[in-house]
């Protein structure tokens, strides 16, 4: 009879969400502050793509195959929503002033 190794306690997926969401928010703020107004949409798309790479990397670091797609999708959904709200704020600010 072979001995089985106990499964380690899984890492919390909230850390992966928070890292990806924070990256998305920081990318949107950086685009809003530094990108010219006529190029913001293109730079937001680049920021969203970079957020996808961050989501993959962080969820691979998570170390569990179960739920990988769901965790990555939730990470990206949160990052995209944050980027959208932040870009809406920059758009309204540019219209107002």
PDB file of N, CA and C in Angstrom:
ATOM      1  N   UNK A   1       0.825  -1.181   0.000  1.00  0.00           N
ATOM      2  CA  UNK A   1       0.000   0.000   0.000  1.00  0.00           C
ATOM      3  C   UNK A   1       0.871   1.246   0.000  1.00  0.00           C
ATOM      4  N   UNK A   2       0.562   2.147  -0.914  1.00  0.00           N
ATOM      5  CA  UNK A   2       1.320   3.384  -0.981  1.00  0.00           C
ATOM      6  C   UNK A   2       0.665   4.462  -0.131  1.00  0.00           C
ATOM      7  N   UNK A   3       1.495   5.324   0.356  1.00  0.00           N
ATOM      8  CA  UNK A   3       0.954   6.431   1.155  1.00  0.00           C
ATOM      9  C   UNK A   3       0.572   7.566   0.216  1.00  0.00           C
ATOM     10  N   UNK A   4      -0.542   8.169   0.490  1.00  0.00           N
ATOM     11  CA  UNK A   4      -0.949   9.312  -0.334  1.00  0.00           C
ATOM     12  C   UNK A   4      -0.545  10.590   0.382  1.00  0.00           C
ATOM     13  N   UNK A   5      -0.191  11.561  -0.399  1.00  0.00           N
ATOM     14  CA  UNK A   5       0.195  12.841   0.180  1.00  0.00           C
ATOM     15  C   UNK A   5      -1.052  13.700   0.333  1.00  0.00           C
ATOM     16  N   UNK A   6      -1.154  14.370   1.453  1.00  0.00           N
ATOM     17  CA  UNK A   6      -2.338  15.211   1.664  1.00  0.00           C
ATOM     18  C   UNK A   6      -2.290  16.423   0.727  1.00  0.00           C
ATOM     19  N   UNK A   7      -3.461  16.841   0.299  1.00  0.00           N
ATOM     20  CA  UNK A   7      -3.543  18.005  -0.570  1.00  0.00           C
ATOM     21  C   UNK A   7      -3.327  19.263   0.271  1.00  0.00           C
ATOM     22  N   UNK A   8      -2.507  20.157  -0.271  1.00  0.00           N
ATOM     23  CA  UNK A   8      -2.238  21.390   0.435  1.00  0.00           C
ATOM     24  C   UNK A   8      -3.460  22.297   0.381  1.00  0.00           C
ATOM     25  N   UNK A   9      -3.555  23.175   1.345  1.00  0.00           N
ATOM     26  CA  UNK A   9      -4.670  24.120   1.354  1.00  0.00           C
ATOM     27  C   UNK A   9      -4.559  25.045   0.148  1.00  0.00           C
ATOM     28  N   UNK A  10      -5.637  25.216  -0.610  1.00  0.00           N
ATOM     29  CA  UNK A  10      -5.553  26.056  -1.806  1.00  0.00           C
ATOM     30  C   UNK A  10      -5.409  27.530  -1.449  1.00  0.00           C
ATOM     31  N   UNK A  11      -4.751  28.250  -2.341  1.00  0.00           N
ATOM     32  CA  UNK A  11      -4.629  29.692  -2.166  1.00  0.00           C
ATOM     33  C   UNK A  11      -5.972  30.336  -2.458  1.00  0.00           C
ATOM     34  N   UNK A  12      -6.205  31.451  -1.866  1.00  0.00           N
ATOM     35  CA  UNK A  12      -7.464  32.151  -2.083  1.00  0.00           C
ATOM     36  C   UNK A  12      -7.480  32.788  -3.466  1.00  0.00           C
ATOM     37  N   UNK A  13      -8.567  32.607  -4.223  1.00  0.00           N
ATOM     38  CA  UNK A  13      -8.635  33.246  -5.542  1.00  0.00           C
ATOM     39  C   UNK A  13      -8.819  34.762  -5.447  1.00  0.00           C
ATOM     40  N   UNK A  14      -9.172  35.250  -4.277  1.00  0.00           N
ATOM     41  CA  UNK A  14      -9.364  36.693  -4.116  1.00  0.00           C
ATOM     42  C   UNK A  14      -8.077  37.465  -4.344  1.00  0.00           C
ATOM     43  N   UNK A  15      -6.952  36.857  -4.022  1.00  0.00           N
ATOM     44  CA  UNK A  15      -5.663  37.514  -4.263  1.00  0.00           C
ATOM     45  C   UNK A  15      -5.435  37.677  -5.757  1.00  0.00           C
ATOM     46  N   UNK A  16      -5.754  36.648  -6.536  1.00  0.00           N
ATOM     47  CA  UNK A  16      -5.596  36.722  -7.992  1.00  0.00           C
ATOM     48  C   UNK A  16      -6.530  37.782  -8.563  1.00  0.00           C
ATOM     49  N   UNK A  17      -7.755  37.842  -8.055  1.00  0.00           N
ATOM     50  CA  UNK A  17      -8.694  38.859  -8.522  1.00  0.00           C
ATOM     51  C   UNK A  17      -8.165  40.248  -8.207  1.00  0.00           C
ATOM     52  N   UNK A  18      -7.721  40.448  -6.990  1.00  0.00           N
ATOM     53  CA  UNK A  18      -7.271  41.773  -6.561  1.00  0.00           C
ATOM     54  C   UNK A  18      -6.054  42.239  -7.364  1.00  0.00           C
ATOM     55  N   UNK A  19      -5.124  41.342  -7.633  1.00  0.00           N
ATOM     56  CA  UNK A  19      -3.938  41.724  -8.404  1.00  0.00           C
ATOM     57  C   UNK A  19      -4.324  42.126  -9.825  1.00  0.00           C
ATOM     58  N   UNK A  20      -5.182  41.329 -10.466  1.00  0.00           N
ATOM     59  CA  UNK A  20      -5.592  41.638 -11.836  1.00  0.00           C
ATOM     60  C   UNK A  20      -6.424  42.908 -11.887  1.00  0.00           C
ATOM     61  N   UNK A  21      -7.340  43.062 -10.947  1.00  0.00           N
ATOM     62  CA  UNK A  21      -8.183  44.261 -10.928  1.00  0.00           C
ATOM     63  C   UNK A  21      -7.349  45.507 -10.669  1.00  0.00           C
ATOM     64  N   UNK A  22      -6.392  45.413  -9.763  1.00  0.00           N
ATOM     65  CA  UNK A  22      -5.535  46.566  -9.481  1.00  0.00           C
ATOM     66  C   UNK A  22      -4.691  46.915 -10.701  1.00  0.00           C
ATOM     67  N   UNK A  23      -4.189  45.903 -11.402  1.00  0.00           N
ATOM     68  CA  UNK A  23      -3.413  46.165 -12.610  1.00  0.00           C
ATOM     69  C   UNK A  23      -4.283  46.857 -13.658  1.00  0.00           C
ATOM     70  N   UNK A  24      -5.501  46.375 -13.848  1.00  0.00           N
ATOM     71  CA  UNK A  24      -6.404  46.998 -14.811  1.00  0.00           C
ATOM     72  C   UNK A  24      -6.721  48.436 -14.457  1.00  0.00           C
ATOM     73  N   UNK A  25      -6.967  48.688 -13.172  1.00  0.00           N
ATOM     74  CA  UNK A  25      -7.262  50.055 -12.736  1.00  0.00           C
ATOM     75  C   UNK A  25      -6.057  50.967 -12.933  1.00  0.00           C
ATOM     76  N   UNK A  26      -4.878  50.493 -12.582  1.00  0.00           N
ATOM     77  CA  UNK A  26      -3.673  51.308 -12.758  1.00  0.00           C
ATOM     78  C   UNK A  26      -3.372  51.549 -14.235  1.00  0.00           C
ATOM     79  N   UNK A  27      -3.623  50.541 -15.073  1.00  0.00           N
ATOM     80  CA  UNK A  27      -3.416  50.719 -16.511  1.00  0.00           C
ATOM     81  C   UNK A  27      -4.375  51.764 -17.060  1.00  0.00           C
ATOM     82  N   UNK A  28      -5.636  51.727 -16.630  1.00  0.00           N
ATOM     83  CA  UNK A  28      -6.620  52.706 -17.109  1.00  0.00           C
ATOM     84  C   UNK A  28      -6.269  54.110 -16.643  1.00  0.00           C
ATOM     85  N   UNK A  29      -5.812  54.240 -15.417  1.00  0.00           N
ATOM     86  CA  UNK A  29      -5.420  55.560 -14.908  1.00  0.00           C
ATOM     87  C   UNK A  29      -4.202  56.073 -15.684  1.00  0.00           C
ATOM     88  N   UNK A  30      -3.237  55.194 -15.924  1.00  0.00           N
ATOM     89  CA  UNK A  30      -2.049  55.605 -16.679  1.00  0.00           C
ATOM     90  C   UNK A  30      -2.417  56.033 -18.093  1.00  0.00           C
ATOM     91  N   UNK A  31      -3.320  55.302 -18.731  1.00  0.00           N
ATOM     92  CA  UNK A  31      -3.750  55.672 -20.078  1.00  0.00           C
ATOM     93  C   UNK A  31      -4.483  57.008 -20.045  1.00  0.00           C
ATOM     94  N   UNK A  32      -5.362  57.184 -19.078  1.00  0.00           N
ATOM     95  CA  UNK A  32      -6.108  58.432 -18.986  1.00  0.00           C
ATOM     96  C   UNK A  32      -5.235  59.642 -18.726  1.00  0.00           C
ATOM     97  N   UNK A  33      -4.160  59.447 -17.988  1.00  0.00           N
ATOM     98  CA  UNK A  33      -3.287  60.569 -17.644  1.00  0.00           C
ATOM     99  C   UNK A  33      -2.258  60.841 -18.744  1.00  0.00           C
ATOM    100  N   UNK A  34      -1.658  59.794 -19.292  1.00  0.00           N
ATOM    101  CA  UNK A  34      -0.518  59.983 -20.175  1.00  0.00           C
ATOM    102  C   UNK A  34      -0.818  59.898 -21.670  1.00  0.00           C
ATOM    103  N   UNK A  35      -1.874  59.218 -22.065  1.00  0.00           N
ATOM    104  CA  UNK A  35      -2.141  59.045 -23.502  1.00  0.00           C
ATOM    105  C   UNK A  35      -2.862  60.263 -24.065  1.00  0.00           C
ATOM    106  N   UNK A  36      -2.533  60.650 -25.294  1.00  0.00           N
ATOM    107  CA  UNK A  36      -3.291  61.731 -25.940  1.00  0.00           C
ATOM    108  C   UNK A  36      -4.752  61.314 -26.111  1.00  0.00           C
ATOM    109  N   UNK A  37      -5.656  62.281 -26.104  1.00  0.00           N
ATOM    110  CA  UNK A  37      -7.085  61.994 -26.133  1.00  0.00           C
ATOM    111  C   UNK A  37      -7.472  61.165 -27.355  1.00  0.00           C
ATOM    112  N   UNK A  38      -6.893  61.453 -28.497  1.00  0.00           N
ATOM    113  CA  UNK A  38      -7.264  60.723 -29.713  1.00  0.00           C
ATOM    114  C   UNK A  38      -6.691  59.309 -29.768  1.00  0.00           C
ATOM    115  N   UNK A  39      -5.792  58.948 -28.854  1.00  0.00           N
ATOM    116  CA  UNK A  39      -5.198  57.616 -28.846  1.00  0.00           C
ATOM    117  C   UNK A  39      -5.593  56.788 -27.618  1.00  0.00           C
ATOM    118  N   UNK A  40      -6.482  57.302 -26.802  1.00  0.00           N
ATOM    119  CA  UNK A  40      -6.826  56.590 -25.557  1.00  0.00           C
ATOM    120  C   UNK A  40      -7.478  55.243 -25.813  1.00  0.00           C
ATOM    121  N   UNK A  41      -8.348  55.163 -26.823  1.00  0.00           N
ATOM    122  CA  UNK A  41      -9.026  53.890 -27.074  1.00  0.00           C
ATOM    123  C   UNK A  41      -8.022  52.796 -27.421  1.00  0.00           C
ATOM    124  N   UNK A  42      -7.059  53.110 -28.271  1.00  0.00           N
ATOM    125  CA  UNK A  42      -6.041  52.113 -28.646  1.00  0.00           C
ATOM    126  C   UNK A  42      -5.215  51.697 -27.430  1.00  0.00           C
ATOM    127  N   UNK A  43      -4.865  52.660 -26.591  1.00  0.00           N
ATOM    128  CA  UNK A  43      -4.071  52.332 -25.409  1.00  0.00           C
ATOM    129  C   UNK A  43      -4.891  51.573 -24.369  1.00  0.00           C
ATOM    130  N   UNK A  44      -6.190  51.816 -24.311  1.00  0.00           N
ATOM    131  CA  UNK A  44      -7.049  51.025 -23.411  1.00  0.00           C
ATOM    132  C   UNK A  44      -7.083  49.569 -23.865  1.00  0.00           C
ATOM    133  N   UNK A  45      -7.127  49.351 -25.178  1.00  0.00           N
ATOM    134  CA  UNK A  45      -7.104  47.979 -25.698  1.00  0.00           C
ATOM    135  C   UNK A  45      -5.785  47.293 -25.350  1.00  0.00           C
ATOM    136  N   UNK A  46      -4.690  48.026 -25.437  1.00  0.00           N
ATOM    137  CA  UNK A  46      -3.392  47.466 -25.051  1.00  0.00           C
ATOM    138  C   UNK A  46      -3.369  47.163 -23.554  1.00  0.00           C
ATOM    139  N   UNK A  47      -3.933  48.051 -22.748  1.00  0.00           N
ATOM    140  CA  UNK A  47      -4.028  47.806 -21.307  1.00  0.00           C
ATOM    141  C   UNK A  47      -4.887  46.596 -20.988  1.00  0.00           C
ATOM    142  N   UNK A  48      -5.979  46.409 -21.735  1.00  0.00           N
ATOM    143  CA  UNK A  48      -6.830  45.234 -21.521  1.00  0.00           C
ATOM    144  C   UNK A  48      -6.083  43.951 -21.896  1.00  0.00           C
ATOM    145  N   UNK A  49      -5.320  43.998 -22.982  1.00  0.00           N
ATOM    146  CA  UNK A  49      -4.520  42.836 -23.357  1.00  0.00           C
ATOM    147  C   UNK A  49      -3.456  42.508 -22.326  1.00  0.00           C
ATOM    148  N   UNK A  50      -2.833  43.546 -21.793  1.00  0.00           N
ATOM    149  CA  UNK A  50      -1.838  43.328 -20.734  1.00  0.00           C
ATOM    150  C   UNK A  50      -2.506  42.761 -19.488  1.00  0.00           C
ATOM    151  N   UNK A  51      -3.728  43.203 -19.199  1.00  0.00           N
ATOM    152  CA  UNK A  51      -4.470  42.653 -18.054  1.00  0.00           C
ATOM    153  C   UNK A  51      -4.755  41.174 -18.251  1.00  0.00           C
ATOM    154  N   UNK A  52      -5.011  40.780 -19.494  1.00  0.00           N
ATOM    155  CA  UNK A  52      -5.243  39.364 -19.767  1.00  0.00           C
ATOM    156  C   UNK A  52      -3.992  38.543 -19.464  1.00  0.00           C
ATOM    157  N   UNK A  53      -2.830  39.042 -19.874  1.00  0.00           N
ATOM    158  CA  UNK A  53      -1.583  38.342 -19.556  1.00  0.00           C
ATOM    159  C   UNK A  53      -1.352  38.270 -18.043  1.00  0.00           C
ATOM    160  N   UNK A  54      -1.659  39.352 -17.344  1.00  0.00           N
ATOM    161  CA  UNK A  54      -1.518  39.348 -15.883  1.00  0.00           C
ATOM    162  C   UNK A  54      -2.481  38.338 -15.267  1.00  0.00           C
ATOM    163  N   UNK A  55      -3.719  38.298 -15.767  1.00  0.00           N
ATOM    164  CA  UNK A  55      -4.696  37.342 -15.233  1.00  0.00           C
ATOM    165  C   UNK A  55      -4.229  35.903 -15.444  1.00  0.00           C
ATOM    166  N   UNK A  56      -3.717  35.603 -16.640  1.00  0.00           N
ATOM    167  CA  UNK A  56      -3.187  34.259 -16.884  1.00  0.00           C
ATOM    168  C   UNK A  56      -2.029  33.944 -15.945  1.00  0.00           C
ATOM    169  N   UNK A  57      -1.094  34.865 -15.834  1.00  0.00           N
ATOM    170  CA  UNK A  57       0.088  34.616 -15.003  1.00  0.00           C
ATOM    171  C   UNK A  57      -0.286  34.414 -13.538  1.00  0.00           C
ATOM    172  N   UNK A  58      -1.157  35.265 -13.036  1.00  0.00           N
ATOM    173  CA  UNK A  58      -1.524  35.172 -11.622  1.00  0.00           C
ATOM    174  C   UNK A  58      -2.312  33.894 -11.357  1.00  0.00           C
ATOM    175  N   UNK A  59      -3.205  33.530 -12.269  1.00  0.00           N
ATOM    176  CA  UNK A  59      -3.987  32.314 -12.056  1.00  0.00           C
ATOM    177  C   UNK A  59      -3.175  31.051 -12.295  1.00  0.00           C
ATOM    178  N   UNK A  60      -2.135  31.117 -13.118  1.00  0.00           N
ATOM    179  CA  UNK A  60      -1.210  29.984 -13.211  1.00  0.00           C
ATOM    180  C   UNK A  60      -0.387  29.868 -11.935  1.00  0.00           C
ATOM    181  N   UNK A  61      -0.013  30.996 -11.371  1.00  0.00           N
ATOM    182  CA  UNK A  61       0.714  31.003 -10.100  1.00  0.00           C
ATOM    183  C   UNK A  61      -0.146  30.410  -8.992  1.00  0.00           C
ATOM    184  N   UNK A  62      -1.462  30.537  -9.151  1.00  0.00           N
ATOM    185  CA  UNK A  62      -2.405  30.021  -8.148  1.00  0.00           C
ATOM    186  C   UNK A  62      -2.158  28.541  -7.895  1.00  0.00           C
ATOM    187  N   UNK A  63      -1.776  27.798  -8.927  1.00  0.00           N
ATOM    188  CA  UNK A  63      -1.332  26.431  -8.735  1.00  0.00           C
ATOM    189  C   UNK A  63      -2.412  25.368  -8.769  1.00  0.00           C
ATOM    190  N   UNK A  64      -3.635  25.704  -9.136  1.00  0.00           N
ATOM    191  CA  UNK A  64      -4.705  24.709  -9.208  1.00  0.00           C
ATOM    192  C   UNK A  64      -5.332  24.742 -10.593  1.00  0.00           C
ATOM    193  N   UNK A  65      -5.504  23.572 -11.159  1.00  0.00           N
ATOM    194  CA  UNK A  65      -6.112  23.490 -12.492  1.00  0.00           C
ATOM    195  C   UNK A  65      -7.627  23.644 -12.421  1.00  0.00           C
ATOM    196  N   UNK A  66      -8.230  23.200 -11.317  1.00  0.00           N
ATOM    197  CA  UNK A  66      -9.679  23.275 -11.191  1.00  0.00           C
ATOM    198  C   UNK A  66     -10.123  24.733 -11.146  1.00  0.00           C
ATOM    199  N   UNK A  67     -11.016  25.091 -12.042  1.00  0.00           N
ATOM    200  CA  UNK A  67     -11.558  26.440 -12.040  1.00  0.00           C
ATOM    201  C   UNK A  67     -10.673  27.492 -12.672  1.00  0.00           C
ATOM    202  N   UNK A  68      -9.653  27.079 -13.423  1.00  0.00           N
ATOM    203  CA  UNK A  68      -8.718  28.043 -14.009  1.00  0.00           C
ATOM    204  C   UNK A  68      -9.434  29.018 -14.942  1.00  0.00           C
ATOM    205  N   UNK A  69     -10.279  28.488 -15.811  1.00  0.00           N
ATOM    206  CA  UNK A  69     -10.970  29.338 -16.787  1.00  0.00           C
ATOM    207  C   UNK A  69     -11.924  30.288 -16.077  1.00  0.00           C
ATOM    208  N   UNK A  70     -12.630  29.795 -15.076  1.00  0.00           N
ATOM    209  CA  UNK A  70     -13.583  30.640 -14.341  1.00  0.00           C
ATOM    210  C   UNK A  70     -12.845  31.740 -13.584  1.00  0.00           C
ATOM    211  N   UNK A  71     -11.741  31.397 -12.936  1.00  0.00           N
ATOM    212  CA  UNK A  71     -10.958  32.403 -12.211  1.00  0.00           C
ATOM    213  C   UNK A  71     -10.391  33.444 -13.159  1.00  0.00           C
ATOM    214  N   UNK A  72      -9.865  32.997 -14.305  1.00  0.00           N
ATOM    215  CA  UNK A  72      -9.297  33.938 -15.273  1.00  0.00           C
ATOM    216  C   UNK A  72     -10.386  34.836 -15.847  1.00  0.00           C
ATOM    217  N   UNK A  73     -11.537  34.261 -16.146  1.00  0.00           N
ATOM    218  CA  UNK A  73     -12.640  35.060 -16.687  1.00  0.00           C
ATOM    219  C   UNK A  73     -13.137  36.079 -15.660  1.00  0.00           C
ATOM    220  N   UNK A  74     -13.250  35.668 -14.409  1.00  0.00           N
ATOM    221  CA  UNK A  74     -13.691  36.605 -13.367  1.00  0.00           C
ATOM    222  C   UNK A  74     -12.660  37.704 -13.144  1.00  0.00           C
ATOM    223  N   UNK A  75     -11.392  37.344 -13.211  1.00  0.00           N
ATOM    224  CA  UNK A  75     -10.343  38.349 -13.074  1.00  0.00           C
ATOM    225  C   UNK A  75     -10.424  39.369 -14.198  1.00  0.00           C
ATOM    226  N   UNK A  76     -10.601  38.890 -15.420  1.00  0.00           N
ATOM    227  CA  UNK A  76     -10.671  39.793 -16.569  1.00  0.00           C
ATOM    228  C   UNK A  76     -11.945  40.623 -16.565  1.00  0.00           C
ATOM    229  N   UNK A  77     -13.062  40.028 -16.170  1.00  0.00           N
ATOM    230  CA  UNK A  77     -14.315  40.772 -16.127  1.00  0.00           C
ATOM    231  C   UNK A  77     -14.203  41.948 -15.166  1.00  0.00           C
ATOM    232  N   UNK A  78     -13.638  41.699 -13.995  1.00  0.00           N
ATOM    233  CA  UNK A  78     -13.455  42.787 -13.030  1.00  0.00           C
ATOM    234  C   UNK A  78     -12.512  43.856 -13.543  1.00  0.00           C
ATOM    235  N   UNK A  79     -11.415  43.429 -14.170  1.00  0.00           N
ATOM    236  CA  UNK A  79     -10.453  44.402 -14.696  1.00  0.00           C
ATOM    237  C   UNK A  79     -11.076  45.244 -15.801  1.00  0.00           C
ATOM    238  N   UNK A  80     -11.831  44.606 -16.693  1.00  0.00           N
ATOM    239  CA  UNK A  80     -12.466  45.345 -17.786  1.00  0.00           C
ATOM    240  C   UNK A  80     -13.540  46.297 -17.271  1.00  0.00           C
ATOM    241  N   UNK A  81     -14.310  45.870 -16.272  1.00  0.00           N
ATOM    242  CA  UNK A  81     -15.312  46.771 -15.695  1.00  0.00           C
ATOM    243  C   UNK A  81     -14.651  47.981 -15.046  1.00  0.00           C
ATOM    244  N   UNK A  82     -13.590  47.748 -14.295  1.00  0.00           N
ATOM    245  CA  UNK A  82     -12.871  48.868 -13.685  1.00  0.00           C
ATOM    246  C   UNK A  82     -12.288  49.792 -14.750  1.00  0.00           C
ATOM    247  N   UNK A  83     -11.699  49.220 -15.790  1.00  0.00           N
ATOM    248  CA  UNK A  83     -11.140  50.047 -16.861  1.00  0.00           C
ATOM    249  C   UNK A  83     -12.243  50.857 -17.546  1.00  0.00           C
ATOM    250  N   UNK A  84     -13.404  50.245 -17.713  1.00  0.00           N
ATOM    251  CA  UNK A  84     -14.514  50.956 -18.337  1.00  0.00           C
ATOM    252  C   UNK A  84     -15.011  52.117 -17.501  1.00  0.00           C
ATOM    253  N   UNK A  85     -15.168  51.894 -16.210  1.00  0.00           N
ATOM    254  CA  UNK A  85     -15.627  52.968 -15.330  1.00  0.00           C
ATOM    255  C   UNK A  85     -14.598  54.091 -15.233  1.00  0.00           C
ATOM    256  N   UNK A  86     -13.340  53.734 -15.172  1.00  0.00           N
ATOM    257  CA  UNK A  86     -12.296  54.762 -15.095  1.00  0.00           C
ATOM    258  C   UNK A  86     -12.223  55.544 -16.404  1.00  0.00           C
ATOM    259  N   UNK A  87     -12.325  54.849 -17.543  1.00  0.00           N
ATOM    260  CA  UNK A  87     -12.297  55.571 -18.816  1.00  0.00           C
ATOM    261  C   UNK A  87     -13.549  56.427 -18.989  1.00  0.00           C
ATOM    262  N   UNK A  88     -14.686  55.989 -18.455  1.00  0.00           N
ATOM    263  CA  UNK A  88     -15.889  56.822 -18.470  1.00  0.00           C
ATOM    264  C   UNK A  88     -15.660  58.094 -17.668  1.00  0.00           C
ATOM    265  N   UNK A  89     -14.992  57.968 -16.539  1.00  0.00           N
ATOM    266  CA  UNK A  89     -14.661  59.155 -15.750  1.00  0.00           C
ATOM    267  C   UNK A  89     -13.760  60.135 -16.507  1.00  0.00           C
ATOM    268  N   UNK A  90     -12.757  59.601 -17.193  1.00  0.00           N
ATOM    269  CA  UNK A  90     -11.884  60.469 -17.990  1.00  0.00           C
ATOM    270  C   UNK A  90     -12.631  61.104 -19.163  1.00  0.00           C
ATOM    271  N   UNK A  91     -13.548  60.340 -19.769  1.00  0.00           N
ATOM    272  CA  UNK A  91     -14.331  60.886 -20.889  1.00  0.00           C
ATOM    273  C   UNK A  91     -15.236  62.015 -20.413  1.00  0.00           C
ATOM    274  N   UNK A  92     -15.916  61.822 -19.282  1.00  0.00           N
ATOM    275  CA  UNK A  92     -16.775  62.867 -18.750  1.00  0.00           C
ATOM    276  C   UNK A  92     -15.967  64.084 -18.322  1.00  0.00           C
ATOM    277  N   UNK A  93     -14.773  63.844 -17.787  1.00  0.00           N
ATOM    278  CA  UNK A  93     -13.924  64.971 -17.387  1.00  0.00           C
ATOM    279  C   UNK A  93     -13.440  65.760 -18.613  1.00  0.00           C
ATOM    280  N   UNK A  94     -13.163  65.056 -19.718  1.00  0.00           N
ATOM    281  CA  UNK A  94     -12.714  65.791 -20.904  1.00  0.00           C
ATOM    282  C   UNK A  94     -13.863  66.542 -21.562  1.00  0.00           C
ATOM    283  N   UNK A  95     -15.085  66.037 -21.440  1.00  0.00           N
ATOM    284  CA  UNK A  95     -16.235  66.747 -21.976  1.00  0.00           C
ATOM    285  C   UNK A  95     -16.534  67.984 -21.130  1.00  0.00           C
ATOM    286  N   UNK A  96     -16.443  67.839 -19.825  1.00  0.00           N
ATOM    287  CA  UNK A  96     -16.777  68.931 -18.909  1.00  0.00           C
ATOM    288  C   UNK A  96     -15.730  70.043 -18.933  1.00  0.00           C
ATOM    289  N   UNK A  97     -14.525  69.700 -19.176  1.00  0.00           N
ATOM    290  CA  UNK A  97     -13.515  70.744 -19.052  1.00  0.00           C
ATOM    291  C   UNK A  97     -12.492  70.661 -20.085  1.00  0.00           C
TER     292      UNK A  97
END
